[in-house]
Amino acid sequence: MSAAAIVAASIGFIPGTAQAADPVKPAAQAAGAPAVDPTKGVAAGFGTFTSAATGSAQLSLFLSARMSSAHGFELTTSLNRTAPPLDTTIDWGDGTTDTVTASGAWETRTQHTYKELGEYTIKAAVVDPALGTHDTKEVRVRTAGSEFTPYGPTRLLDTRSGTGAVKGKVKAYSSTRLKVAGNGSIPTGVTAVALNVTATDTTSGGHVSVFASGATRPTASNINFEAGQTVPNLVIAQVGADGYVELYNGGWEPVDLIADVTGYFGQQEASGYASQAPARVVDTRYGTGTQRGPLAGQGSFTVKVAEPGTTAVALNVTVTNPQEAGHLTVHPAGQAAPTTSNVNFTPGQTVANSVIVPVGKDGEITVRNGAWAPSDVIVDLVGTYSTASAGAYVPVTPVRQIDTRESWSKGPWPTRGYLWQAFSLEQAWVLNTTVTNTRGAGFLSVAPDPNSTGNYAGGTAVTPERPVSSTLNWTAGKTVANLVQASAGDNGVVDFWNQGWDRADLVVDIFGYYDNK
């Protein structure tokens, strides 16, 4: 598969006690694990479509189409006779055809990639001119990938008011169900949804896991919280066959949960994703993209982040130097600010959150400070959704890929160094990163590695340039999580940098990937 461009470090520094701009030599990196291959048991919903098994004793054709990528299939063609080999004509249902030679002595496998997502009927025909016999079979298939449709931002769930669920906190170690498909103008049949989920009114520590209704609850978490915290995180969650997702409270005490939708994914043409080098589009500390100086309380700014044809953008939004508690709301320019929030903060806190937000007609977004006092705001653009992009989303059964707390999974996370993880060459991977057991302040950077796994195995790997961008910030004793849409670069290797001076543990959970093929 073709790979996306290597993600470069964005301009400027993300705030935090530890900065990434010093010339300190990185610590030795830990060994990487085997590459994550989405076609071998990880991808959710990958299946096989088969034709009818009927046919004559003289000549019978059988088709088996296995999903092999977001847009592609591997078609196995087989006959019930060994000789002579016969030509089989395949009509893929998209205006293209292939001819293969098949016999009962072997199975013929043919790869095909559809330009557009959707349902197709594959037809195959074989003729034996010597005996005057023939057979025709067909199989109906649907591509595995899903594309994005912006929506909102709209509040779907608020247990404080009874929006979307029974009013009242979600009990300890239990779930609340949220209707997604068929809710408002969200259609039925959606495969995944982009939600900004917030845990609030917390009285103990815990975590929140969001997953498809009817699925086994994963060990992966989306939000980690402590008593007295209000913590948001972006979630791209699979939607169950019944149209619901479940939000599980893994804490010891009840908690209120809020979910704001900004878009959904479906198995039809809409907007594909294109990852890019993170670009700093706003930094109020330096006047980048807007007026220099903290964003005033109850104030807002509008900034152009995309070109025409873009329907939504993926951002990492950071607030720093806040003078009082509050929240930020990011929404399409030209629209009234919704009641939703994207980043929640307390005085003096530096906190980041991933954001997927529709853009206004001129490619602009608006950021509003919901506090009554000023705060500095940083916005990094990490990707775009548009009708011109082919990056289709494939959700996976959530799996924990890295956990440095377990000796079998990567081992210690080196201070001022990085761990590398091999991935297959999809355009970008949807990950939830969590930093825990922190002994000092620092921040996490996620970037593609210029080395291949062969470079590491052969001892020829070069030291990657230290990124200056951040994914999340932490202080001593805190557990912090954030979603990352990480490019695997040209080599299929992603680095996870510990930009702090003290030990911490890293947990990385895989939720899906974007695929151009």
Protein backbone atom coordinates (compact mmCIF):
# COMPACT_ATOMS: atom_id res chain seq x y z
CA MET A 1 0.00 0.00 0.00
CA SER A 2 1.12 3.58 -0.54
CA ALA A 3 2.02 5.34 2.67
CA ALA A 4 1.16 8.82 3.84
CA ALA A 5 3.85 11.45 4.06
CA ILE A 6 6.02 11.39 7.18
CA VAL A 7 4.57 13.53 9.94
CA ALA A 8 6.93 16.40 10.70
CA ALA A 9 7.20 18.33 13.94
CA SER A 10 4.98 21.39 14.08
CA ILE A 11 6.28 24.92 14.50
CA GLY A 12 6.71 26.24 18.03
CA PHE A 13 6.52 24.55 21.41
CA ILE A 14 3.62 22.94 23.20
CA PRO A 15 3.51 24.35 26.73
CA GLY A 16 4.51 22.33 29.72
CA THR A 17 7.17 22.10 32.37
CA ALA A 18 9.35 19.96 30.09
CA GLN A 19 10.04 21.34 26.60
CA ALA A 20 11.28 19.43 23.58
CA ALA A 21 13.59 22.00 22.08
CA ASP A 22 16.79 21.26 23.96
CA PRO A 23 19.70 19.35 22.36
CA VAL A 24 19.72 16.48 24.85
CA LYS A 25 20.63 13.19 23.17
CA PRO A 26 17.69 10.74 23.29
CA ALA A 27 17.94 7.79 25.61
CA ALA A 28 18.29 4.35 24.06
CA GLN A 29 15.00 3.24 22.57
CA ALA A 30 13.33 -0.01 23.52
CA ALA A 31 12.94 -2.82 21.01
CA GLY A 32 9.83 -2.73 18.84
CA ALA A 33 7.16 -5.40 18.71
CA PRO A 34 6.10 -7.23 15.52
CA ALA A 35 4.14 -5.11 13.06
CA VAL A 36 0.42 -4.75 13.58
CA ASP A 37 -1.29 -6.35 10.55
CA PRO A 38 -4.98 -5.37 10.31
CA THR A 39 -5.80 -8.17 7.89
CA LYS A 40 -4.87 -10.91 10.36
CA GLY A 41 -7.57 -11.00 12.98
CA VAL A 42 -7.51 -7.38 14.12
CA ALA A 43 -9.90 -5.67 11.73
CA ALA A 44 -13.49 -5.77 12.90
CA GLY A 45 -16.06 -6.87 10.37
CA PHE A 46 -13.68 -8.27 7.78
CA GLY A 47 -15.52 -11.15 6.19
CA THR A 48 -15.96 -13.40 3.18
CA PHE A 49 -18.79 -13.45 0.64
CA THR A 50 -19.46 -16.65 -1.32
CA SER A 51 -21.52 -17.60 -4.35
CA ALA A 52 -24.04 -20.42 -4.50
CA ALA A 53 -22.50 -23.90 -4.50
CA THR A 54 -24.85 -25.24 -7.19
CA GLY A 55 -23.72 -26.40 -10.62
CA SER A 56 -23.58 -29.33 -12.97
CA ALA A 57 -21.36 -32.34 -12.55
CA GLN A 58 -19.64 -31.48 -15.81
CA LEU A 59 -18.74 -27.88 -14.97
CA SER A 60 -19.33 -25.87 -11.82
CA LEU A 61 -17.82 -22.50 -10.82
CA PHE A 62 -17.46 -21.28 -7.23
CA LEU A 63 -16.55 -17.76 -6.00
CA SER A 64 -15.28 -16.63 -2.61
CA ALA A 65 -14.57 -12.90 -2.07
CA ARG A 66 -12.58 -12.00 1.04
CA MET A 67 -12.24 -8.41 2.24
CA SER A 68 -8.55 -7.52 2.04
CA SER A 69 -8.56 -3.74 2.61
CA ALA A 70 -10.91 -0.80 2.98
CA HIS A 71 -11.64 -0.76 -0.75
CA GLY A 72 -10.39 -4.15 -1.86
CA PHE A 73 -11.13 -7.86 -2.14
CA GLU A 74 -9.29 -11.07 -2.91
CA LEU A 75 -11.51 -13.21 -5.13
CA THR A 76 -10.89 -16.96 -5.13
CA THR A 77 -12.14 -18.70 -8.28
CA SER A 78 -12.37 -22.50 -8.40
CA LEU A 79 -13.85 -25.16 -10.69
CA ASN A 80 -15.02 -28.71 -10.07
CA ARG A 81 -12.84 -30.19 -12.82
CA THR A 82 -9.09 -30.44 -13.23
CA ALA A 83 -8.54 -30.41 -17.00
CA PRO A 84 -8.30 -28.67 -19.23
CA PRO A 85 -7.72 -25.28 -17.51
CA LEU A 86 -10.42 -22.85 -18.63
CA ASP A 87 -10.57 -19.08 -18.93
CA THR A 88 -12.95 -17.43 -16.50
CA THR A 89 -14.16 -13.87 -17.14
CA ILE A 90 -14.74 -11.73 -14.02
CA ASP A 91 -17.00 -8.67 -14.13
CA TRP A 92 -16.27 -6.70 -10.94
CA GLY A 93 -19.47 -4.66 -11.13
CA ASP A 94 -17.69 -1.31 -11.46
CA GLY A 95 -17.17 -1.35 -15.20
CA THR A 96 -13.90 -3.33 -15.12
CA THR A 97 -13.22 -6.95 -16.01
CA ASP A 98 -10.44 -9.52 -15.66
CA THR A 99 -9.79 -12.91 -17.22
CA VAL A 100 -8.15 -15.68 -15.19
CA THR A 101 -7.33 -19.28 -15.96
CA ALA A 102 -8.79 -21.75 -13.47
CA SER A 103 -9.21 -25.45 -12.95
CA GLY A 104 -10.07 -27.82 -10.16
CA ALA A 105 -6.37 -28.52 -9.65
CA TRP A 106 -5.80 -25.15 -7.98
CA GLU A 107 -7.61 -22.05 -6.78
CA THR A 108 -7.03 -18.81 -8.64
CA ARG A 109 -6.79 -15.68 -6.49
CA THR A 110 -7.32 -12.23 -7.98
CA GLN A 111 -7.00 -8.87 -6.19
CA HIS A 112 -9.31 -5.96 -6.96
CA THR A 113 -9.65 -2.47 -5.50
CA TYR A 114 -12.80 -0.41 -5.91
CA LYS A 115 -12.38 3.30 -6.44
CA GLU A 116 -15.53 4.08 -4.47
CA LEU A 117 -16.99 2.47 -1.39
CA GLY A 118 -20.30 0.65 -1.67
CA GLU A 119 -22.03 -2.57 -2.69
CA TYR A 120 -21.07 -4.41 -5.88
CA THR A 121 -22.11 -7.59 -7.66
CA ILE A 122 -19.18 -9.66 -8.90
CA LYS A 123 -20.12 -11.96 -11.81
CA ALA A 124 -17.93 -14.68 -13.26
CA ALA A 125 -18.52 -16.87 -16.31
CA VAL A 126 -16.68 -19.92 -17.64
CA VAL A 127 -17.21 -21.88 -20.86
CA ASP A 128 -15.86 -25.29 -21.91
CA PRO A 129 -15.96 -25.15 -25.73
CA ALA A 130 -14.99 -28.82 -26.05
CA LEU A 131 -18.02 -30.09 -24.14
CA GLY A 132 -20.29 -27.15 -24.87
CA THR A 133 -20.92 -26.57 -21.15
CA HIS A 134 -20.80 -23.31 -19.19
CA ASP A 135 -21.50 -21.87 -15.75
CA THR A 136 -22.08 -18.41 -14.35
CA LYS A 137 -21.93 -17.36 -10.70
CA GLU A 138 -22.25 -14.07 -8.87
CA VAL A 139 -21.58 -12.80 -5.38
CA ARG A 140 -22.78 -9.57 -3.78
CA VAL A 141 -20.09 -7.76 -1.77
CA ARG A 142 -19.77 -4.60 0.32
CA THR A 143 -16.48 -2.79 0.86
CA ALA A 144 -15.09 -2.80 4.41
CA GLY A 145 -14.14 0.87 4.73
CA SER A 146 -16.26 3.76 5.97
CA GLU A 147 -16.10 7.46 5.17
CA PHE A 148 -16.90 10.42 7.39
CA THR A 149 -19.92 12.70 7.43
CA PRO A 150 -19.67 15.81 9.65
CA TYR A 151 -22.51 16.34 12.10
CA GLY A 152 -23.07 18.99 14.73
CA PRO A 153 -21.38 19.43 17.14
CA THR A 154 -24.48 18.18 18.95
CA ARG A 155 -24.99 16.91 22.48
CA LEU A 156 -26.40 13.38 22.41
CA LEU A 157 -25.85 12.40 26.05
CA ASP A 158 -25.86 14.23 29.35
CA THR A 159 -26.74 12.14 32.40
CA ARG A 160 -27.00 15.30 34.50
CA SER A 161 -30.12 16.39 32.61
CA GLY A 162 -31.37 13.08 31.27
CA THR A 163 -30.40 13.87 27.67
CA GLY A 164 -30.04 10.60 25.78
CA ALA A 165 -30.35 8.44 28.90
CA VAL A 166 -32.09 8.16 32.23
CA LYS A 167 -31.26 11.16 34.40
CA GLY A 168 -28.69 10.36 37.04
CA LYS A 169 -25.10 9.24 37.36
CA VAL A 170 -23.88 6.03 35.76
CA LYS A 171 -23.35 3.53 38.56
CA ALA A 172 -19.96 2.06 39.37
CA TYR A 173 -18.87 -0.78 37.09
CA SER A 174 -21.93 -0.43 34.86
CA SER A 175 -22.84 1.06 31.48
CA THR A 176 -25.28 3.48 29.95
CA ARG A 177 -26.50 2.93 26.39
CA LEU A 178 -26.52 5.77 23.86
CA LYS A 179 -28.52 5.66 20.64
CA VAL A 180 -26.42 6.86 17.69
CA ALA A 181 -27.86 5.47 14.44
CA GLY A 182 -31.32 6.90 13.90
CA ASN A 183 -30.77 9.64 16.48
CA GLY A 184 -31.72 12.99 14.97
CA SER A 185 -30.67 12.94 11.32
CA ILE A 186 -27.90 10.36 11.83
CA PRO A 187 -28.92 7.53 9.48
CA THR A 188 -29.23 3.88 10.33
CA GLY A 189 -26.39 1.58 9.37
CA VAL A 190 -23.52 3.82 10.53
CA THR A 191 -20.41 1.85 11.46
CA ALA A 192 -18.63 4.27 13.81
CA VAL A 193 -19.12 7.64 15.43
CA ALA A 194 -16.87 10.51 16.54
CA LEU A 195 -17.83 11.54 20.07
CA ASN A 196 -16.27 13.95 22.52
CA VAL A 197 -16.93 12.11 25.77
CA THR A 198 -16.61 13.87 29.14
CA ALA A 199 -16.58 12.38 32.64
CA THR A 200 -17.62 14.86 35.34
CA ASP A 201 -18.88 15.07 38.93
CA THR A 202 -16.32 12.40 39.80
CA THR A 203 -15.90 11.31 43.43
CA SER A 204 -13.27 8.60 42.94
CA GLY A 205 -10.71 7.45 40.42
CA GLY A 206 -11.72 5.34 37.43
CA HIS A 207 -11.95 5.08 33.68
CA VAL A 208 -14.52 5.11 30.87
CA SER A 209 -14.62 2.63 27.98
CA VAL A 210 -16.80 3.29 24.92
CA PHE A 211 -17.67 0.33 22.70
CA ALA A 212 -20.26 -1.08 20.32
CA SER A 213 -23.49 -2.35 21.82
CA GLY A 214 -23.53 -6.14 21.79
CA ALA A 215 -19.74 -6.42 21.75
CA THR A 216 -17.57 -7.71 24.56
CA ARG A 217 -16.35 -4.83 26.68
CA PRO A 218 -12.69 -4.23 25.80
CA THR A 219 -9.84 -3.91 28.27
CA ALA A 220 -8.89 -0.69 26.47
CA SER A 221 -10.05 2.57 28.07
CA ASN A 222 -10.84 5.98 26.58
CA ILE A 223 -10.85 8.29 29.62
CA ASN A 224 -9.04 8.13 32.97
CA PHE A 225 -10.24 10.34 35.79
CA GLU A 226 -9.64 11.16 39.44
CA ALA A 227 -11.94 12.44 42.14
CA GLY A 228 -13.07 16.00 41.46
CA GLN A 229 -11.91 16.04 37.84
CA THR A 230 -13.82 16.87 34.66
CA VAL A 231 -12.03 15.03 31.86
CA PRO A 232 -12.94 14.96 28.13
CA ASN A 233 -11.48 12.82 25.36
CA LEU A 234 -12.31 12.30 21.72
CA VAL A 235 -13.53 8.79 20.93
CA ILE A 236 -14.03 7.12 17.55
CA ALA A 237 -16.24 4.23 18.59
CA GLN A 238 -17.81 1.37 16.67
CA VAL A 239 -21.61 1.41 16.60
CA GLY A 240 -23.48 -1.81 17.33
CA ALA A 241 -25.82 -3.50 14.89
CA ASP A 242 -28.71 -2.08 16.93
CA GLY A 243 -27.38 1.48 16.45
CA TYR A 244 -26.15 1.94 20.04
CA VAL A 245 -22.84 2.42 21.82
CA GLU A 246 -22.19 1.66 25.47
CA LEU A 247 -20.28 3.90 27.87
CA TYR A 248 -18.87 1.93 30.80
CA ASN A 249 -17.95 3.52 34.13
CA GLY A 250 -14.92 1.65 35.44
CA GLY A 251 -14.77 3.73 38.64
CA TRP A 252 -15.61 2.85 42.22
CA GLU A 253 -18.33 5.49 42.45
CA PRO A 254 -21.09 6.82 40.15
CA VAL A 255 -20.12 9.43 37.54
CA ASP A 256 -21.90 11.76 35.12
CA LEU A 257 -21.13 11.26 31.43
CA ILE A 258 -21.54 13.66 28.52
CA ALA A 259 -21.18 12.80 24.81
CA ASP A 260 -21.11 15.31 21.95
CA VAL A 261 -21.17 14.03 18.36
CA THR A 262 -19.19 15.73 15.60
CA GLY A 263 -19.65 13.15 12.85
CA TYR A 264 -20.23 9.54 11.88
CA PHE A 265 -18.82 6.92 9.52
CA GLY A 266 -20.75 4.85 7.00
CA GLN A 267 -19.97 2.33 4.26
CA GLN A 268 -20.66 4.71 1.40
CA GLU A 269 -18.93 7.59 -0.32
CA ALA A 270 -18.73 10.70 1.85
CA SER A 271 -15.50 12.33 3.09
CA GLY A 272 -12.21 10.44 3.18
CA TYR A 273 -9.35 11.23 5.56
CA ALA A 274 -5.92 12.60 4.64
CA SER A 275 -3.27 12.76 7.34
CA GLN A 276 -0.64 15.46 7.16
CA ALA A 277 2.37 16.84 8.94
CA PRO A 278 1.05 18.55 12.07
CA ALA A 279 0.84 22.27 11.35
CA ARG A 280 0.47 24.92 14.01
CA VAL A 281 -2.40 27.14 12.90
CA VAL A 282 -2.95 29.02 16.18
CA ASP A 283 -0.74 29.97 19.13
CA THR A 284 -2.06 32.94 21.08
CA ARG A 285 1.24 33.26 22.97
CA TYR A 286 3.00 34.37 19.77
CA GLY A 287 0.14 35.72 17.68
CA THR A 288 0.16 32.76 15.30
CA GLY A 289 -3.10 32.65 13.34
CA THR A 290 -4.84 35.18 15.58
CA GLN A 291 -4.21 38.19 17.78
CA ARG A 292 -1.30 37.84 20.19
CA GLY A 293 -2.24 37.40 23.82
CA PRO A 294 -4.52 35.13 25.86
CA LEU A 295 -8.02 34.58 24.57
CA ALA A 296 -10.34 36.69 26.71
CA GLY A 297 -12.96 35.11 28.90
CA GLN A 298 -16.17 34.51 26.94
CA GLY A 299 -14.20 35.57 23.86
CA SER A 300 -13.59 33.77 20.58
CA PHE A 301 -11.49 33.86 17.43
CA THR A 302 -12.02 32.51 13.92
CA VAL A 303 -9.24 31.01 11.83
CA LYS A 304 -9.02 29.47 8.36
CA VAL A 305 -7.76 25.87 8.66
CA ALA A 306 -8.70 24.24 5.34
CA GLU A 307 -9.17 24.77 1.63
CA PRO A 308 -12.47 24.52 -0.30
CA GLY A 309 -13.80 20.99 -0.50
CA THR A 310 -12.82 20.17 3.06
CA THR A 311 -15.76 19.10 5.20
CA ALA A 312 -14.05 18.64 8.57
CA VAL A 313 -10.63 18.78 10.21
CA ALA A 314 -8.75 16.77 12.81
CA LEU A 315 -7.03 18.97 15.38
CA ASN A 316 -5.09 18.78 18.60
CA VAL A 317 -6.24 21.70 20.77
CA THR A 318 -4.25 22.74 23.84
CA VAL A 319 -5.09 25.28 26.52
CA THR A 320 -2.35 26.68 28.75
CA ASN A 321 -1.98 29.43 31.34
CA PRO A 322 -5.71 29.48 32.18
CA GLN A 323 -6.52 31.93 34.97
CA GLU A 324 -9.62 30.08 36.12
CA ALA A 325 -11.56 26.90 35.45
CA GLY A 326 -13.48 26.67 32.20
CA HIS A 327 -13.76 25.01 28.82
CA LEU A 328 -13.10 25.57 25.13
CA THR A 329 -15.66 24.97 22.41
CA VAL A 330 -14.56 24.45 18.79
CA HIS A 331 -17.24 24.75 16.10
CA PRO A 332 -17.75 25.63 12.43
CA ALA A 333 -17.34 29.33 11.70
CA GLY A 334 -20.52 31.19 10.89
CA GLN A 335 -22.60 29.19 13.32
CA ALA A 336 -23.68 30.01 16.85
CA ALA A 337 -21.54 28.37 19.52
CA PRO A 338 -23.15 25.08 20.62
CA THR A 339 -23.53 23.97 24.21
CA THR A 340 -20.84 21.32 23.66
CA SER A 341 -17.24 21.50 24.93
CA ASN A 342 -13.94 20.09 23.68
CA VAL A 343 -11.35 20.92 26.35
CA ASN A 344 -11.99 21.36 30.08
CA PHE A 345 -9.39 22.96 32.33
CA THR A 346 -8.62 24.21 35.83
CA PRO A 347 -6.50 27.26 36.81
CA GLY A 348 -2.87 26.93 35.75
CA GLN A 349 -3.44 23.61 33.95
CA THR A 350 -2.00 22.69 30.54
CA VAL A 351 -4.33 20.21 28.88
CA ALA A 352 -4.82 18.98 25.31
CA ASN A 353 -7.60 17.12 23.53
CA SER A 354 -8.07 15.78 20.03
CA VAL A 355 -10.92 17.41 18.13
CA ILE A 356 -12.75 16.49 14.93
CA VAL A 357 -14.92 19.40 13.87
CA PRO A 358 -16.84 20.38 10.71
CA VAL A 359 -15.59 23.54 9.02
CA GLY A 360 -17.55 26.56 7.85
CA LYS A 361 -18.13 27.26 4.16
CA ASP A 362 -14.81 29.12 3.87
CA GLY A 363 -12.80 26.42 5.64
CA GLU A 364 -12.89 28.29 8.93
CA ILE A 365 -13.46 27.25 12.53
CA THR A 366 -14.22 29.28 15.64
CA VAL A 367 -12.72 28.67 19.10
CA ARG A 368 -14.59 30.05 22.10
CA ASN A 369 -13.30 30.41 25.65
CA GLY A 370 -16.16 29.44 27.96
CA ALA A 371 -14.34 30.70 31.08
CA TRP A 372 -14.69 34.21 32.47
CA ALA A 373 -10.92 34.74 32.54
CA PRO A 374 -8.27 34.60 29.78
CA SER A 375 -6.37 31.51 28.59
CA ASP A 376 -3.76 30.82 25.93
CA VAL A 377 -4.83 28.48 23.13
CA ILE A 378 -2.77 26.36 20.71
CA VAL A 379 -4.31 24.59 17.68
CA ASP A 380 -2.43 22.02 15.59
CA LEU A 381 -3.96 20.70 12.35
CA VAL A 382 -3.22 16.97 11.90
CA GLY A 383 -5.57 15.93 9.09
CA THR A 384 -8.51 16.78 6.87
CA TYR A 385 -11.70 15.11 5.66
CA SER A 386 -12.85 15.83 2.12
CA THR A 387 -14.65 14.28 -0.83
CA ALA A 388 -11.33 14.24 -2.70
CA SER A 389 -9.61 12.00 -0.12
CA ALA A 390 -9.70 8.22 -0.36
CA GLY A 391 -8.75 7.40 3.23
CA ALA A 392 -11.55 5.12 4.48
CA TYR A 393 -11.85 4.17 8.14
CA VAL A 394 -11.73 0.56 9.26
CA PRO A 395 -12.55 0.02 12.95
CA VAL A 396 -10.79 -2.78 14.78
CA THR A 397 -11.61 -4.82 17.81
CA PRO A 398 -9.91 -2.60 20.44
CA VAL A 399 -6.58 -4.12 21.42
CA ARG A 400 -3.86 -3.04 23.84
CA GLN A 401 -0.63 -2.83 21.85
CA ILE A 402 1.78 -1.23 24.33
CA ASP A 403 1.78 -1.29 28.12
CA THR A 404 5.13 -0.47 29.69
CA ARG A 405 3.81 -1.56 33.09
CA GLU A 406 4.02 -5.14 31.81
CA SER A 407 7.53 -6.50 31.24
CA TRP A 408 6.32 -8.50 28.24
CA SER A 409 5.03 -5.41 26.46
CA LYS A 410 7.94 -3.11 25.59
CA GLY A 411 9.43 -2.72 29.05
CA PRO A 412 10.43 0.66 30.56
CA TRP A 413 9.61 3.83 28.64
CA PRO A 414 12.95 5.68 28.50
CA THR A 415 13.04 9.24 29.81
CA ARG A 416 13.92 11.76 27.11
CA GLY A 417 13.73 8.83 24.70
CA TYR A 418 11.20 6.83 22.72
CA LEU A 419 9.63 3.48 22.02
CA TRP A 420 9.01 2.45 18.42
CA GLN A 421 6.12 0.35 17.20
CA ALA A 422 5.87 -1.28 13.79
CA PHE A 423 2.56 -0.93 11.97
CA SER A 424 1.51 -1.96 8.50
CA LEU A 425 1.45 0.88 5.99
CA GLU A 426 -2.06 2.22 6.36
CA GLN A 427 -2.44 5.98 6.01
CA ALA A 428 -3.05 6.64 9.71
CA TRP A 429 -3.90 4.72 12.88
CA VAL A 430 -6.50 5.71 15.47
CA LEU A 431 -4.90 5.16 18.86
CA ASN A 432 -5.72 6.04 22.44
CA THR A 433 -2.56 6.96 24.31
CA THR A 434 -2.43 7.03 28.11
CA VAL A 435 0.43 8.13 30.36
CA THR A 436 0.34 6.96 33.97
CA ASN A 437 2.56 6.47 37.05
CA THR A 438 4.09 9.86 36.34
CA ARG A 439 6.86 11.04 38.68
CA GLY A 440 7.29 14.52 37.24
CA ALA A 441 5.97 16.85 34.54
CA GLY A 442 6.34 16.12 30.84
CA PHE A 443 4.57 15.58 27.56
CA LEU A 444 4.08 12.84 24.98
CA SER A 445 5.02 13.26 21.32
CA VAL A 446 3.90 10.81 18.62
CA ALA A 447 5.65 10.87 15.24
CA PRO A 448 6.63 8.58 12.36
CA ASP A 449 10.08 7.02 12.53
CA PRO A 450 12.53 7.58 9.62
CA ASN A 451 13.84 4.04 10.15
CA SER A 452 12.38 0.74 9.01
CA THR A 453 12.19 -2.41 11.09
CA GLY A 454 15.04 -3.68 8.92
CA ASN A 455 17.19 -0.74 10.03
CA TYR A 456 16.60 -1.63 13.66
CA ALA A 457 17.19 -5.33 13.08
CA GLY A 458 20.38 -4.64 11.14
CA GLY A 459 21.79 -2.08 13.55
CA THR A 460 21.67 0.72 10.96
CA ALA A 461 18.90 2.83 12.50
CA VAL A 462 19.59 6.54 12.87
CA THR A 463 18.41 8.58 15.84
CA PRO A 464 15.13 10.30 14.90
CA GLU A 465 14.87 14.04 15.29
CA ARG A 466 13.19 14.91 18.55
CA PRO A 467 9.64 16.24 17.92
CA VAL A 468 8.61 19.57 19.42
CA SER A 469 4.86 18.92 19.14
CA SER A 470 2.90 17.19 21.87
CA THR A 471 -0.10 14.90 22.11
CA LEU A 472 -0.78 15.23 25.82
CA ASN A 473 0.77 16.93 28.85
CA TRP A 474 1.08 15.56 32.38
CA THR A 475 2.22 16.48 35.87
CA ALA A 476 3.47 14.29 38.69
CA GLY A 477 1.03 11.69 39.92
CA LYS A 478 -1.50 12.17 37.11
CA THR A 479 -2.93 9.74 34.56
CA VAL A 480 -3.76 11.46 31.27
CA ALA A 481 -5.22 10.06 28.02
CA ASN A 482 -5.73 11.46 24.52
CA LEU A 483 -6.74 10.09 21.13
CA VAL A 484 -4.11 10.20 18.37
CA GLN A 485 -4.63 9.85 14.61
CA ALA A 486 -1.03 8.83 13.95
CA SER A 487 0.59 8.55 10.55
CA ALA A 488 2.73 5.43 10.08
CA GLY A 489 4.95 7.37 7.67
CA ASP A 490 6.89 5.85 4.81
CA ASN A 491 8.24 2.95 6.86
CA GLY A 492 5.27 1.84 8.93
CA VAL A 493 6.98 2.68 12.24
CA VAL A 494 5.61 5.10 14.85
CA ASP A 495 7.64 6.56 17.74
CA PHE A 496 6.22 7.40 21.17
CA TRP A 497 8.46 9.95 22.90
CA ASN A 498 8.69 10.51 26.65
CA GLN A 499 9.51 14.22 26.71
CA GLY A 500 9.80 14.33 30.48
CA TRP A 501 12.84 14.01 32.71
CA ASP A 502 11.22 11.45 35.01
CA ARG A 503 9.90 7.92 34.67
CA ALA A 504 6.36 7.34 33.46
CA ASP A 505 4.40 4.47 31.94
CA LEU A 506 2.80 4.45 28.49
CA VAL A 507 -0.31 2.56 27.36
CA VAL A 508 -1.37 2.49 23.68
CA ASP A 509 -4.69 1.01 22.54
CA ILE A 510 -5.60 0.52 18.86
CA PHE A 511 -9.15 1.42 17.74
CA GLY A 512 -8.89 1.56 13.95
CA TYR A 513 -7.02 2.82 10.91
CA TYR A 514 -7.49 4.75 7.67
CA ASP A 515 -6.72 2.97 4.40
CA ASN A 516 -6.44 4.36 0.87
CA LYS A 517 -6.62 0.92 -0.77
